[in-house]
Amino acid sequence: MFGLGVPELMVILVIALVIFGPSKLPQIGSGLGKAIRDFKKGVTEGNDDETDKEAKKDPKDLPR
């Protein structure tokens, strides 16, 4: 995971805690998790759309 270990993640967490404060941290984490989930969903739906387009093509139009 990008070469980050537990000590590095702890430092990042402490810095975030100092910058945003303990009351905002759960909201930021929730928003970040939702954004990642939506991004993955969008990528998956985009791949499904491309697969559907390929399936709907006329077999005569496909390269040989």
C-alpha atoms as a PDB file:
ATOM      1  CA  MET A   1       0.000   0.000   0.000  1.00  0.00           C
ATOM      2  CA  PHE A   2       2.288   2.773  -1.312  1.00  0.00           C
ATOM      3  CA  GLY A   3       5.038   1.673   1.064  1.00  0.00           C
ATOM      4  CA  LEU A   4       3.174   2.987   4.114  1.00  0.00           C
ATOM      5  CA  GLY A   5       3.506   1.021   7.291  1.00  0.00           C
ATOM      6  CA  VAL A   6       1.789   1.328  10.636  1.00  0.00           C
ATOM      7  CA  PRO A   7       4.158   4.019  11.977  1.00  0.00           C
ATOM      8  CA  GLU A   8       3.625   6.216   8.911  1.00  0.00           C
ATOM      9  CA  LEU A   9      -0.147   5.830   9.121  1.00  0.00           C
ATOM     10  CA  MET A  10      -0.076   6.760  12.807  1.00  0.00           C
ATOM     11  CA  VAL A  11       1.867   9.951  12.014  1.00  0.00           C
ATOM     12  CA  ILE A  12      -0.664  10.857   9.304  1.00  0.00           C
ATOM     13  CA  LEU A  13      -3.529  10.220  11.736  1.00  0.00           C
ATOM     14  CA  VAL A  14      -1.952  12.401  14.428  1.00  0.00           C
ATOM     15  CA  ILE A  15      -1.360  15.225  11.926  1.00  0.00           C
ATOM     16  CA  ALA A  16      -4.982  14.996  10.732  1.00  0.00           C
ATOM     17  CA  LEU A  17      -6.164  15.016  14.338  1.00  0.00           C
ATOM     18  CA  VAL A  18      -4.173  18.179  15.067  1.00  0.00           C
ATOM     19  CA  ILE A  19      -5.319  19.950  11.885  1.00  0.00           C
ATOM     20  CA  PHE A  20      -9.012  19.059  11.905  1.00  0.00           C
ATOM     21  CA  GLY A  21      -9.678  18.320  15.567  1.00  0.00           C
ATOM     22  CA  PRO A  22     -11.385  15.306  17.101  1.00  0.00           C
ATOM     23  CA  SER A  23     -14.928  16.465  16.335  1.00  0.00           C
ATOM     24  CA  LYS A  24     -14.412  16.766  12.549  1.00  0.00           C
ATOM     25  CA  LEU A  25     -12.356  13.582  12.050  1.00  0.00           C
ATOM     26  CA  PRO A  26     -15.321  11.136  11.921  1.00  0.00           C
ATOM     27  CA  GLN A  27     -17.111  13.342   9.365  1.00  0.00           C
ATOM     28  CA  ILE A  28     -14.000  13.540   7.198  1.00  0.00           C
ATOM     29  CA  GLY A  29     -13.478   9.775   7.402  1.00  0.00           C
ATOM     30  CA  SER A  30     -17.087   9.127   6.491  1.00  0.00           C
ATOM     31  CA  GLY A  31     -16.929  11.506   3.543  1.00  0.00           C
ATOM     32  CA  LEU A  32     -13.686   9.977   2.319  1.00  0.00           C
ATOM     33  CA  GLY A  33     -15.098   6.453   2.579  1.00  0.00           C
ATOM     34  CA  LYS A  34     -18.225   7.453   0.665  1.00  0.00           C
ATOM     35  CA  ALA A  35     -16.143   9.128  -2.045  1.00  0.00           C
ATOM     36  CA  ILE A  36     -13.992   6.015  -2.494  1.00  0.00           C
ATOM     37  CA  ARG A  37     -17.071   3.775  -2.583  1.00  0.00           C
ATOM     38  CA  ASP A  38     -18.769   5.990  -5.182  1.00  0.00           C
ATOM     39  CA  PHE A  39     -15.605   6.097  -7.287  1.00  0.00           C
ATOM     40  CA  LYS A  40     -15.310   2.302  -7.296  1.00  0.00           C
ATOM     41  CA  LYS A  41     -19.000   2.006  -8.169  1.00  0.00           C
ATOM     42  CA  GLY A  42     -18.580   4.440 -11.053  1.00  0.00           C
ATOM     43  CA  VAL A  43     -15.564   2.583 -12.403  1.00  0.00           C
ATOM     44  CA  THR A  44     -17.405  -0.738 -12.200  1.00  0.00           C
ATOM     45  CA  GLU A  45     -20.478   0.698 -13.948  1.00  0.00           C
ATOM     46  CA  GLY A  46     -18.251   2.226 -16.621  1.00  0.00           C
ATOM     47  CA  ASN A  47     -16.653  -1.155 -17.286  1.00  0.00           C
ATOM     48  CA  ASP A  48     -20.094  -2.790 -17.432  1.00  0.00           C
ATOM     49  CA  ASP A  49     -21.249  -0.194 -19.972  1.00  0.00           C
ATOM     50  CA  GLU A  50     -18.248  -0.898 -22.195  1.00  0.00           C
ATOM     51  CA  THR A  51     -18.889  -4.644 -21.945  1.00  0.00           C
ATOM     52  CA  ASP A  52     -22.545  -4.124 -22.894  1.00  0.00           C
ATOM     53  CA  LYS A  53     -21.542  -2.054 -25.929  1.00  0.00           C
ATOM     54  CA  GLU A  54     -19.210  -4.819 -27.095  1.00  0.00           C
ATOM     55  CA  ALA A  55     -21.916  -7.447 -26.626  1.00  0.00           C
ATOM     56  CA  LYS A  56     -24.451  -5.441 -28.667  1.00  0.00           C
ATOM     57  CA  LYS A  57     -22.168  -5.079 -31.692  1.00  0.00           C
ATOM     58  CA  ASP A  58     -23.027  -6.981 -34.822  1.00  0.00           C
ATOM     59  CA  PRO A  59     -20.692 -10.000 -35.160  1.00  0.00           C
ATOM     60  CA  LYS A  60     -20.020  -8.960 -38.772  1.00  0.00           C
ATOM     61  CA  ASP A  61     -18.460  -5.709 -37.529  1.00  0.00           C
ATOM     62  CA  LEU A  62     -15.962  -7.432 -35.217  1.00  0.00           C
ATOM     63  CA  PRO A  63     -12.332  -7.733 -36.401  1.00  0.00           C
ATOM     64  CA  ARG A  64     -11.192 -11.173 -37.497  1.00  0.00           C
END
